[in-house]
Structures are given as C-alpha cells and as structure tokens.
C-alpha atoms as a PDB file:
ATOM      1  CA  MET A   1     -40.070 -97.119 -40.167  1.00  0.00           C
ATOM      2  CA  ILE A   2     -36.820 -95.960 -38.710  1.00  0.00           C
ATOM      3  CA  TRP A   3     -37.210 -93.284 -36.146  1.00  0.00           C
ATOM      4  CA  PRO A   4     -34.430 -90.733 -35.838  1.00  0.00           C
ATOM      5  CA  SER A   5     -32.274 -91.440 -32.946  1.00  0.00           C
ATOM      6  CA  ARG A   6     -32.273 -88.904 -30.120  1.00  0.00           C
ATOM      7  CA  SER A   7     -29.025 -87.167 -29.467  1.00  0.00           C
ATOM      8  CA  ARG A   8     -27.491 -88.117 -26.265  1.00  0.00           C
ATOM      9  CA  ARG A   9     -26.871 -85.459 -23.742  1.00  0.00           C
ATOM     10  CA  VAL A  10     -23.350 -84.995 -22.809  1.00  0.00           C
ATOM     11  CA  ALA A  11     -23.159 -85.485 -19.154  1.00  0.00           C
ATOM     12  CA  SER A  12     -22.082 -82.236 -17.558  1.00  0.00           C
ATOM     13  CA  SER A  13     -19.080 -82.402 -15.415  1.00  0.00           C
ATOM     14  CA  ARG A  14     -19.757 -82.105 -11.744  1.00  0.00           C
ATOM     15  CA  PRO A  15     -18.922 -78.564 -10.502  1.00  0.00           C
ATOM     16  CA  ASN A  16     -15.884 -78.254  -8.332  1.00  0.00           C
ATOM     17  CA  HIS A  17     -16.780 -76.796  -4.919  1.00  0.00           C
ATOM     18  CA  THR A  18     -14.442 -74.087  -3.503  1.00  0.00           C
ATOM     19  CA  PRO A  19     -12.882 -75.336  -0.325  1.00  0.00           C
ATOM     20  CA  PHE A  20     -14.350 -73.957   2.876  1.00  0.00           C
ATOM     21  CA  ARG A  21     -11.097 -72.468   4.076  1.00  0.00           C
ATOM     22  CA  VAL A  22     -10.790 -70.419   0.877  1.00  0.00           C
ATOM     23  CA  ARG A  23     -14.304 -69.054   1.188  1.00  0.00           C
ATOM     24  CA  ALA A  24     -13.764 -68.355   4.856  1.00  0.00           C
ATOM     25  CA  GLY A  25     -10.550 -66.509   4.045  1.00  0.00           C
ATOM     26  CA  ARG A  26     -12.374 -64.315   1.540  1.00  0.00           C
ATOM     27  CA  VAL A  27     -15.043 -63.432   4.069  1.00  0.00           C
ATOM     28  CA  LEU A  28     -12.452 -62.676   6.713  1.00  0.00           C
ATOM     29  CA  ARG A  29     -10.448 -60.474   4.337  1.00  0.00           C
ATOM     30  CA  ARG A  30     -13.552 -58.555   3.291  1.00  0.00           C
ATOM     31  CA  THR A  31     -14.581 -58.174   6.892  1.00  0.00           C
ATOM     32  CA  PHE A  32     -11.082 -57.008   7.815  1.00  0.00           C
ATOM     33  CA  PHE A  33     -10.941 -54.373   5.075  1.00  0.00           C
ATOM     34  CA  PHE A  34     -14.441 -53.193   5.902  1.00  0.00           C
ATOM     35  CA  VAL A  35     -13.573 -52.844   9.587  1.00  0.00           C
ATOM     36  CA  LEU A  36     -10.281 -51.159   8.622  1.00  0.00           C
ATOM     37  CA  PHE A  37     -12.108 -48.685   6.370  1.00  0.00           C
ATOM     38  CA  CYS A  38     -14.675 -47.919   9.050  1.00  0.00           C
ATOM     39  CA  GLY A  39     -11.957 -47.550  11.661  1.00  0.00           C
ATOM     40  CA  THR A  40      -9.959 -45.234   9.388  1.00  0.00           C
ATOM     41  CA  ALA A  41     -13.046 -43.100   8.650  1.00  0.00           C
ATOM     42  CA  VAL A  42     -13.951 -42.884  12.328  1.00  0.00           C
ATOM     43  CA  GLY A  43     -10.336 -42.133  13.219  1.00  0.00           C
ATOM     44  CA  ALA A  44     -10.119 -39.462  10.534  1.00  0.00           C
ATOM     45  CA  PHE A  45     -13.368 -37.879  11.750  1.00  0.00           C
ATOM     46  CA  PHE A  46     -12.252 -37.722  15.360  1.00  0.00           C
ATOM     47  CA  GLY A  47      -8.757 -36.707  14.283  1.00  0.00           C
ATOM     48  CA  TYR A  48     -10.237 -33.866  12.218  1.00  0.00           C
ATOM     49  CA  ARG A  49     -12.362 -32.791  15.151  1.00  0.00           C
ATOM     50  CA  GLY A  50      -9.351 -32.905  17.437  1.00  0.00           C
ATOM     51  CA  VAL A  51      -7.161 -30.892  15.060  1.00  0.00           C
ATOM     52  CA  ARG A  52      -9.959 -28.390  14.420  1.00  0.00           C
ATOM     53  CA  HIS A  53     -10.514 -27.987  18.145  1.00  0.00           C
ATOM     54  CA  PHE A  54      -6.773 -27.452  18.669  1.00  0.00           C
ATOM     55  CA  VAL A  55      -6.427 -24.950  15.812  1.00  0.00           C
ATOM     56  CA  TYR A  56      -9.586 -22.918  16.243  1.00  0.00           C
ATOM     57  CA  GLU A  57     -10.716 -23.288  19.833  1.00  0.00           C
ATOM     58  CA  THR A  58      -7.592 -23.456  21.966  1.00  0.00           C
ATOM     59  CA  ASP A  59      -5.428 -20.445  22.803  1.00  0.00           C
ATOM     60  CA  TYR A  60      -2.361 -21.720  20.946  1.00  0.00           C
ATOM     61  CA  PHE A  61      -3.038 -19.729  17.751  1.00  0.00           C
ATOM     62  CA  ASN A  62      -4.437 -16.629  19.434  1.00  0.00           C
ATOM     63  CA  ILE A  63      -2.955 -13.379  18.115  1.00  0.00           C
ATOM     64  CA  THR A  64      -0.579 -12.080  20.758  1.00  0.00           C
ATOM     65  CA  SER A  65       1.214  -9.349  18.791  1.00  0.00           C
ATOM     66  CA  VAL A  66       0.976  -7.180  15.671  1.00  0.00           C
ATOM     67  CA  VAL A  67       4.350  -6.013  14.384  1.00  0.00           C
ATOM     68  CA  ILE A  68       4.345  -2.948  12.107  1.00  0.00           C
ATOM     69  CA  ASN A  69       7.522  -1.894  10.292  1.00  0.00           C
ATOM     70  CA  GLY A  70       8.341   1.100   8.095  1.00  0.00           C
ATOM     71  CA  ALA A  71       5.568   3.336   9.424  1.00  0.00           C
ATOM     72  CA  SER A  72       5.665   6.760  11.045  1.00  0.00           C
ATOM     73  CA  PRO A  73       3.804   7.165  14.353  1.00  0.00           C
ATOM     74  CA  GLU A  74       0.843   8.671  12.448  1.00  0.00           C
ATOM     75  CA  LEU A  75       0.634   5.789   9.974  1.00  0.00           C
ATOM     76  CA  GLU A  76       1.139   3.151  12.671  1.00  0.00           C
ATOM     77  CA  LYS A  77      -1.697   4.658  14.694  1.00  0.00           C
ATOM     78  CA  GLN A  78      -4.027   4.585  11.683  1.00  0.00           C
ATOM     79  CA  ALA A  79      -2.987   1.019  10.823  1.00  0.00           C
ATOM     80  CA  ARG A  80      -3.586  -0.293  14.347  1.00  0.00           C
ATOM     81  CA  GLU A  81      -7.006   1.374  14.497  1.00  0.00           C
ATOM     82  CA  SER A  82      -7.924  -0.251  11.187  1.00  0.00           C
ATOM     83  CA  LEU A  83      -6.549  -3.631  12.282  1.00  0.00           C
ATOM     84  CA  THR A  84      -8.575  -3.594  15.485  1.00  0.00           C
ATOM     85  CA  GLY A  85     -11.785  -3.546  13.479  1.00  0.00           C
ATOM     86  CA  MET A  86     -10.651  -6.103  10.896  1.00  0.00           C
ATOM     87  CA  LEU A  87      -9.320  -8.646  13.387  1.00  0.00           C
ATOM     88  CA  ALA A  88     -12.574  -8.477  15.310  1.00  0.00           C
ATOM     89  CA  LEU A  89     -14.421  -9.860  12.279  1.00  0.00           C
ATOM     90  CA  ASP A  90     -12.785 -13.294  12.612  1.00  0.00           C
ATOM     91  CA  GLY A  91     -12.029 -13.282  16.305  1.00  0.00           C
ATOM     92  CA  ASN A  92      -8.575 -13.442  17.809  1.00  0.00           C
ATOM     93  CA  ASN A  93      -7.516 -16.616  15.972  1.00  0.00           C
ATOM     94  CA  LEU A  94      -4.549 -16.202  13.610  1.00  0.00           C
ATOM     95  CA  VAL A  95      -5.527 -19.078  11.316  1.00  0.00           C
ATOM     96  CA  ARG A  96      -8.919 -17.521  10.594  1.00  0.00           C
ATOM     97  CA  GLN A  97      -7.462 -14.202   9.455  1.00  0.00           C
ATOM     98  CA  ASP A  98      -7.519 -13.330   5.742  1.00  0.00           C
ATOM     99  CA  VAL A  99      -4.206 -11.521   5.259  1.00  0.00           C
ATOM    100  CA  ALA A 100      -5.050 -10.643   1.636  1.00  0.00           C
ATOM    101  CA  PHE A 101      -8.107  -8.733   2.867  1.00  0.00           C
ATOM    102  CA  ILE A 102      -6.092  -7.082   5.642  1.00  0.00           C
ATOM    103  CA  GLN A 103      -3.404  -6.048   3.166  1.00  0.00           C
ATOM    104  CA  SER A 104      -5.974  -4.616   0.773  1.00  0.00           C
ATOM    105  CA  GLU A 105      -7.652  -2.570   3.504  1.00  0.00           C
ATOM    106  CA  LEU A 106      -4.383  -1.237   4.935  1.00  0.00           C
ATOM    107  CA  GLY A 107      -3.347  -0.224   1.408  1.00  0.00           C
ATOM    108  CA  LYS A 108      -6.289   2.207   1.376  1.00  0.00           C
ATOM    109  CA  ILE A 109      -4.724   4.343   4.108  1.00  0.00           C
ATOM    110  CA  PRO A 110      -3.571   7.541   2.334  1.00  0.00           C
ATOM    111  CA  ARG A 111      -0.081   7.432   3.822  1.00  0.00           C
ATOM    112  CA  ALA A 112       0.522   3.853   2.608  1.00  0.00           C
ATOM    113  CA  LEU A 113       2.397   3.662  -0.699  1.00  0.00           C
ATOM    114  CA  ARG A 114       2.897  -0.122  -0.497  1.00  0.00           C
ATOM    115  CA  VAL A 115       2.045  -2.666   2.175  1.00  0.00           C
ATOM    116  CA  SER A 116       2.641  -6.380   2.677  1.00  0.00           C
ATOM    117  CA  THR A 117       1.036  -8.483   5.408  1.00  0.00           C
ATOM    118  CA  ARG A 118       1.826 -12.020   6.554  1.00  0.00           C
ATOM    119  CA  LYS A 119       1.180 -14.423   9.384  1.00  0.00           C
ATOM    120  CA  VAL A 120       4.017 -15.485  11.651  1.00  0.00           C
ATOM    121  CA  TYR A 121       2.862 -18.567  13.531  1.00  0.00           C
ATOM    122  CA  PRO A 122       1.781 -19.236  16.162  1.00  0.00           C
ATOM    123  CA  GLY A 123       0.465 -15.773  17.120  1.00  0.00           C
ATOM    124  CA  THR A 124       1.871 -12.782  15.204  1.00  0.00           C
ATOM    125  CA  ILE A 125       0.731 -10.643  12.279  1.00  0.00           C
ATOM    126  CA  ARG A 126       3.529  -8.721  10.565  1.00  0.00           C
ATOM    127  CA  VAL A 127       2.832  -5.625   8.473  1.00  0.00           C
ATOM    128  CA  ASP A 128       5.548  -3.930   6.381  1.00  0.00           C
ATOM    129  CA  PHE A 129       4.871  -0.464   4.982  1.00  0.00           C
ATOM    130  CA  VAL A 130       6.544   1.719   2.412  1.00  0.00           C
ATOM    131  CA  GLU A 131       5.151   5.083   3.429  1.00  0.00           C
ATOM    132  CA  ARG A 132       4.391   8.116   1.303  1.00  0.00           C
ATOM    133  CA  GLN A 133       6.590  11.014   2.383  1.00  0.00           C
ATOM    134  CA  PRO A 134       5.174  14.554   2.632  1.00  0.00           C
ATOM    135  CA  LEU A 135       6.836  16.935   0.185  1.00  0.00           C
ATOM    136  CA  MET A 136       4.795  20.108   0.636  1.00  0.00           C
ATOM    137  CA  VAL A 137       1.872  21.594   2.524  1.00  0.00           C
ATOM    138  CA  VAL A 138      -1.027  22.557   0.254  1.00  0.00           C
ATOM    139  CA  ASN A 139      -3.539  25.202   1.258  1.00  0.00           C
ATOM    140  CA  LEU A 140      -7.063  24.153   0.219  1.00  0.00           C
ATOM    141  CA  ASP A 141     -10.141  24.504   2.399  1.00  0.00           C
ATOM    142  CA  GLU A 142      -7.700  23.406   5.102  1.00  0.00           C
ATOM    143  CA  THR A 143      -3.989  22.703   5.024  1.00  0.00           C
ATOM    144  CA  TYR A 144      -2.932  19.197   3.941  1.00  0.00           C
ATOM    145  CA  LEU A 145       0.319  17.338   3.621  1.00  0.00           C
ATOM    146  CA  ILE A 146       0.901  16.259   0.015  1.00  0.00           C
ATOM    147  CA  ASP A 147       3.443  13.821  -1.430  1.00  0.00           C
ATOM    148  CA  LYS A 148       5.327  13.990  -4.736  1.00  0.00           C
ATOM    149  CA  HIS A 149       2.550  12.094  -6.527  1.00  0.00           C
ATOM    150  CA  GLY A 150      -0.046  14.683  -5.551  1.00  0.00           C
ATOM    151  CA  VAL A 151      -1.783  12.501  -2.949  1.00  0.00           C
ATOM    152  CA  LEU A 152      -3.255  14.338   0.045  1.00  0.00           C
ATOM    153  CA  LEU A 153      -1.907  12.534   3.101  1.00  0.00           C
ATOM    154  CA  SER A 154      -3.625  14.206   6.055  1.00  0.00           C
ATOM    155  CA  ARG A 155      -4.795  17.508   7.423  1.00  0.00           C
ATOM    156  CA  ILE A 156      -2.185  19.469   9.308  1.00  0.00           C
ATOM    157  CA  HIS A 157      -2.382  22.480  11.582  1.00  0.00           C
ATOM    158  CA  GLY A 158      -0.635  25.591  10.295  1.00  0.00           C
ATOM    159  CA  LEU A 159       1.770  25.695  13.236  1.00  0.00           C
ATOM    160  CA  ASP A 160       2.721  22.037  12.734  1.00  0.00           C
ATOM    161  CA  ALA A 161       3.270  22.753   9.029  1.00  0.00           C
ATOM    162  CA  THR A 162       5.694  25.542   9.938  1.00  0.00           C
ATOM    163  CA  ARG A 163       7.588  23.240  12.275  1.00  0.00           C
ATOM    164  CA  LYS A 164       8.020  20.654   9.523  1.00  0.00           C
ATOM    165  CA  GLY A 165       9.793  23.244   7.372  1.00  0.00           C
ATOM    166  CA  LEU A 166       7.984  22.192   4.197  1.00  0.00           C
ATOM    167  CA  PRO A 167       7.188  24.729   1.464  1.00  0.00           C
ATOM    168  CA  MET A 168       3.574  25.820   1.034  1.00  0.00           C
ATOM    169  CA  LEU A 169       1.575  25.347  -2.186  1.00  0.00           C
ATOM    170  CA  THR A 170      -1.156  27.949  -2.692  1.00  0.00           C
ATOM    171  CA  GLY A 171      -3.651  28.931  -5.374  1.00  0.00           C
ATOM    172  CA  VAL A 172      -4.889  25.373  -6.030  1.00  0.00           C
ATOM    173  CA  GLN A 173      -8.632  24.896  -6.372  1.00  0.00           C
ATOM    174  CA  ALA A 174     -10.192  21.589  -5.277  1.00  0.00           C
ATOM    175  CA  GLY A 175     -13.800  20.888  -4.378  1.00  0.00           C
ATOM    176  CA  ALA A 176     -14.390  19.108  -1.047  1.00  0.00           C
ATOM    177  CA  PRO A 177     -10.919  17.549  -0.793  1.00  0.00           C
ATOM    178  CA  LYS A 178     -10.130  14.758   1.658  1.00  0.00           C
ATOM    179  CA  ALA A 179      -7.143  12.656   2.625  1.00  0.00           C
ATOM    180  CA  GLY A 180      -6.407  10.097  -0.071  1.00  0.00           C
ATOM    181  CA  ASP A 181      -7.472  12.332  -2.969  1.00  0.00           C
ATOM    182  CA  THR A 182      -5.003  13.122  -5.759  1.00  0.00           C
ATOM    183  CA  LEU A 183      -4.673  16.671  -7.069  1.00  0.00           C
ATOM    184  CA  ALA A 184      -4.943  16.371 -10.835  1.00  0.00           C
ATOM    185  CA  PRO A 185      -4.094  19.800 -12.383  1.00  0.00           C
ATOM    186  CA  ALA A 186      -1.037  19.564 -14.612  1.00  0.00           C
ATOM    187  CA  GLN A 187       0.690  22.550 -12.997  1.00  0.00           C
ATOM    188  CA  VAL A 188       0.421  20.895  -9.586  1.00  0.00           C
ATOM    189  CA  GLY A 189       2.378  17.926 -10.912  1.00  0.00           C
ATOM    190  CA  ALA A 190       4.928  20.270 -12.495  1.00  0.00           C
ATOM    191  CA  VAL A 191       5.489  22.110  -9.212  1.00  0.00           C
ATOM    192  CA  LEU A 192       5.786  18.856  -7.258  1.00  0.00           C
ATOM    193  CA  ALA A 193       8.345  17.536  -9.743  1.00  0.00           C
ATOM    194  CA  ALA A 194      10.423  20.696  -9.341  1.00  0.00           C
ATOM    195  CA  VAL A 195      10.224  20.651  -5.544  1.00  0.00           C
ATOM    196  CA  ASP A 196      11.127  16.958  -5.437  1.00  0.00           C
ATOM    197  CA  PHE A 197      14.150  17.618  -7.660  1.00  0.00           C
ATOM    198  CA  ILE A 198      15.330  20.569  -5.549  1.00  0.00           C
ATOM    199  CA  GLN A 199      14.955  18.628  -2.313  1.00  0.00           C
ATOM    200  CA  ALA A 200      17.065  15.781  -3.678  1.00  0.00           C
ATOM    201  CA  ASN A 201      19.715  17.810  -5.513  1.00  0.00           C
ATOM    202  CA  ASP A 202      19.984  21.373  -4.164  1.00  0.00           C
ATOM    203  CA  GLN A 203      19.465  21.704  -0.436  1.00  0.00           C
ATOM    204  CA  ALA A 204      20.659  25.325  -0.411  1.00  0.00           C
ATOM    205  CA  LEU A 205      17.886  26.345  -2.808  1.00  0.00           C
ATOM    206  CA  TRP A 206      15.399  24.033  -1.047  1.00  0.00           C
ATOM    207  CA  LYS A 207      15.851  25.999   2.176  1.00  0.00           C
ATOM    208  CA  GLN A 208      15.278  29.335   0.414  1.00  0.00           C
ATOM    209  CA  ILE A 209      11.919  28.675  -1.267  1.00  0.00           C
ATOM    210  CA  ILE A 210       9.095  28.845   1.273  1.00  0.00           C
ATOM    211  CA  GLU A 211       6.048  29.011  -1.001  1.00  0.00           C
ATOM    212  CA  TRP A 212       4.837  28.108  -4.490  1.00  0.00           C
ATOM    213  CA  ASN A 213       1.755  29.666  -6.045  1.00  0.00           C
ATOM    214  CA  ILE A 214      -0.337  28.704  -9.078  1.00  0.00           C
ATOM    215  CA  ASN A 215      -2.602  31.550 -10.198  1.00  0.00           C
ATOM    216  CA  SER A 216      -5.823  31.399 -12.200  1.00  0.00           C
ATOM    217  CA  LYS A 217      -3.838  31.638 -15.453  1.00  0.00           C
ATOM    218  CA  ALA A 218      -1.787  28.546 -14.509  1.00  0.00           C
ATOM    219  CA  GLU A 219       1.315  30.712 -13.987  1.00  0.00           C
ATOM    220  CA  VAL A 220       3.742  29.486 -11.349  1.00  0.00           C
ATOM    221  CA  THR A 221       5.514  31.750  -8.883  1.00  0.00           C
ATOM    222  CA  ALA A 222       7.870  30.800  -6.065  1.00  0.00           C
ATOM    223  CA  ILE A 223       8.459  32.966  -2.984  1.00  0.00           C
ATOM    224  CA  LEU A 224      11.946  33.162  -1.500  1.00  0.00           C
ATOM    225  CA  ARG A 225      12.594  33.433   2.207  1.00  0.00           C
ATOM    226  CA  ALA A 226      13.718  37.061   1.735  1.00  0.00           C
ATOM    227  CA  GLY A 227      10.382  37.880   0.079  1.00  0.00           C
ATOM    228  CA  ALA A 228      11.317  38.009  -3.617  1.00  0.00           C
ATOM    229  CA  GLU A 229       9.047  36.377  -6.199  1.00  0.00           C
ATOM    230  CA  VAL A 230      10.510  33.933  -8.716  1.00  0.00           C
ATOM    231  CA  ARG A 231       8.373  34.036 -11.863  1.00  0.00           C
ATOM    232  CA  PHE A 232       8.282  30.860 -13.963  1.00  0.00           C
ATOM    233  CA  GLY A 233       5.234  31.706 -16.073  1.00  0.00           C
ATOM    234  CA  THR A 234       3.370  28.759 -17.567  1.00  0.00           C
ATOM    235  CA  LYS A 235       6.457  26.686 -18.287  1.00  0.00           C
ATOM    236  CA  PRO A 236       7.168  23.695 -16.051  1.00  0.00           C
ATOM    237  CA  PRO A 237       9.444  25.079 -13.299  1.00  0.00           C
ATOM    238  CA  LEU A 238      11.886  22.204 -13.692  1.00  0.00           C
ATOM    239  CA  GLU A 239      12.751  23.392 -17.210  1.00  0.00           C
ATOM    240  CA  LEU A 240      13.911  26.769 -15.826  1.00  0.00           C
ATOM    241  CA  MET A 241      15.418  25.542 -12.590  1.00  0.00           C
ATOM    242  CA  ASP A 242      18.970  25.394 -13.943  1.00  0.00           C
ATOM    243  CA  LYS A 243      19.043  29.201 -14.260  1.00  0.00           C
ATOM    244  CA  LEU A 244      17.818  29.755 -10.712  1.00  0.00           C
ATOM    245  CA  SER A 245      19.991  27.041  -9.173  1.00  0.00           C
ATOM    246  CA  GLY A 246      23.062  28.226 -11.062  1.00  0.00           C
ATOM    247  CA  ALA A 247      22.502  31.801  -9.902  1.00  0.00           C
ATOM    248  CA  PHE A 248      22.275  30.655  -6.291  1.00  0.00           C
ATOM    249  CA  GLN A 249      25.779  29.238  -6.608  1.00  0.00           C
ATOM    250  CA  THR A 250      27.106  32.763  -7.250  1.00  0.00           C
ATOM    251  CA  ALA A 251      27.571  34.850  -4.120  1.00  0.00           C
ATOM    252  CA  LYS A 252      26.959  38.159  -5.951  1.00  0.00           C
ATOM    253  CA  LEU A 253      23.642  37.034  -7.468  1.00  0.00           C
ATOM    254  CA  ARG A 254      22.550  35.392  -4.235  1.00  0.00           C
ATOM    255  CA  ALA A 255      23.052  38.726  -2.461  1.00  0.00           C
ATOM    256  CA  GLU A 256      21.010  40.458  -5.175  1.00  0.00           C
ATOM    257  CA  PHE A 257      18.217  37.939  -4.668  1.00  0.00           C
ATOM    258  CA  GLU A 258      17.937  39.034  -1.032  1.00  0.00           C
ATOM    259  CA  GLN A 259      17.363  42.633  -2.157  1.00  0.00           C
ATOM    260  CA  ALA A 260      15.057  41.848  -5.084  1.00  0.00           C
ATOM    261  CA  THR A 261      11.331  42.404  -5.574  1.00  0.00           C
ATOM    262  CA  TYR A 262      11.109  39.663  -8.159  1.00  0.00           C
ATOM    263  CA  ILE A 263      13.273  37.396 -10.298  1.00  0.00           C
ATOM    264  CA  ASP A 264      11.964  36.696 -13.789  1.00  0.00           C
ATOM    265  CA  LEU A 265      12.983  33.436 -15.480  1.00  0.00           C
ATOM    266  CA  ARG A 266      10.517  33.602 -18.366  1.00  0.00           C
ATOM    267  CA  MET A 267      12.917  35.099 -20.917  1.00  0.00           C
ATOM    268  CA  ASP A 268      15.062  32.634 -22.838  1.00  0.00           C
ATOM    269  CA  ASN A 269      18.671  32.490 -21.657  1.00  0.00           C
ATOM    270  CA  GLN A 270      18.113  35.452 -19.332  1.00  0.00           C
ATOM    271  CA  LEU A 271      17.563  36.000 -15.662  1.00  0.00           C
ATOM    272  CA  VAL A 272      16.032  39.379 -14.729  1.00  0.00           C
ATOM    273  CA  ILE A 273      16.403  40.642 -11.177  1.00  0.00           C
ATOM    274  CA  MET A 274      14.233  43.576 -10.193  1.00  0.00           C
ATOM    275  CA  PRO A 275      15.669  45.297  -7.098  1.00  0.00           C
ATOM    276  CA  LYS A 276      13.498  46.779  -4.383  1.00  0.00           C
ATOM    277  CA  GLN A 277      12.753  50.484  -4.757  1.00  0.00           C
ATOM    278  CA  LEU A 278      14.794  52.516  -2.309  1.00  0.00           C
END
C-alpha cells in the first residue's frame, strides 16, 4: 500500500525586527506631540483666563463716557435716564453691553424717530438720534406736543406752549392719551399735513394761524391771529390752501382778513370774506 505523502510545510520566513532606534524615535515623537498638545491646551486655558480677566475684570474696558448726538436737552435727559438703568444690568463693562438691546429700548422713547448705538473702544458708548420735531400743541386731557406723524411727544405746560409759538389743535377726542401714542383720526392727519406744508413753504401764513379746530362733524376750522375763522369744511385743508395762501399775498385781501369774522373756503373757486358787524 502506498500512503499519500504529506505536504511539506513551507518554512515561514523569519520576521524582520524593527530596529530599536526606529521604535524609540516613534515613542519619542508620540511623547513629544502628546506633551505639545497638553502644553498647548494648558496654555490656551490659562491664556483664555488671562484674556477674560483682562477684558471683564480689569478697569480697561470700563465705560467712562456716553456720547449722545442729535438730541434736544429733553430727549438727551430721557435717554441718559434710560441708559442708567440698562447699563446697570451688565455692570460698567463695555464688552458686556448689548448695543442692539440698548438701541431697541432707546427707540421706544416718544421723541426718538431713529436711533443708532455703537461701542467705541475702550470705554465709550455713542448714541445718534434723529429726533421727532414738534409741529403743534394738541389739547386733550392735557396739552401735548405732537409731531407731523401724529405722535404725542410729551406733555407741555400751557405757558411753555405759548412760548414755543406753535399752533394749537383743539376738538380732538382721545381716551387716556399718553406720550408715544399716535392720534389716528383722518382729519388729524389732514390738519398736520397742512400745517407741515405751511411751515415749510409759507412762513407769513404760518405766523398768522394760531389754532386749528376739528368739530364733532369732522369739519376743520383755523383761527387767525386777528380772530377770524377760516372754514375748510370736511375737505382736507391742504386741498384749499392755495386759495388762502394766494389771498395772503395780496395786501388788500390781507387787510380784509384782519377785519373779518370768518373766511369761507368751502365754495369751489371762491373765497368768501365776512366782515365784522360795525
């Protein structure tokens, strides 16, 4: 019997050993990078702590001044009072301040039409206002300054209103008004548009009209300095202003206005002057 021959194992080649210096180099490199990483992390941590301490805890970034531009004394006073409370929320550190929040809050002041706020490092906050300008004085439960958009700006004493030389708006009804509210009636907007136009384009007429009234029927009447009424009816006053302004340019008619009881502009293409009864 012939037994099958057993296959011979192929002798495996003897593994090549990596030289000691190579393995030592790898260990040293790994150790070096590990130490470098740890050193960098520790350095970054202490660096962060140092920078944070410098930024937030030293006096270098303390707020030393607040600069306000474009504001009247009244608006600047209100803005600084508001800023005092807001800045106290985050301490006196400029970096901590949220200028977007500050800008939003200052924009709620009735006199502020537009406002922009920014940080000026190392220690200044700058606020730039575009302020609403009073156009008239409106008589509600109290007297208020009002701008051309119908926004109530602030209460004002009657004597101070007289000193400002602004015309008075009467006959307007508003429940529990406060500064910052907007008067919505359409005739209020129509009167404000007319007054704004006169102020910008006809100073002679602007100085002669001392009061505007809106009655319960939404009829508009203006009162001249000499006492005569100017009757516009329910039409927007600006649509009839050309007749009144043109008449004021004529010396004869201007003299008649001073002796008139009322001036009626409600008739198309006509201007009726009713003289005082002698």
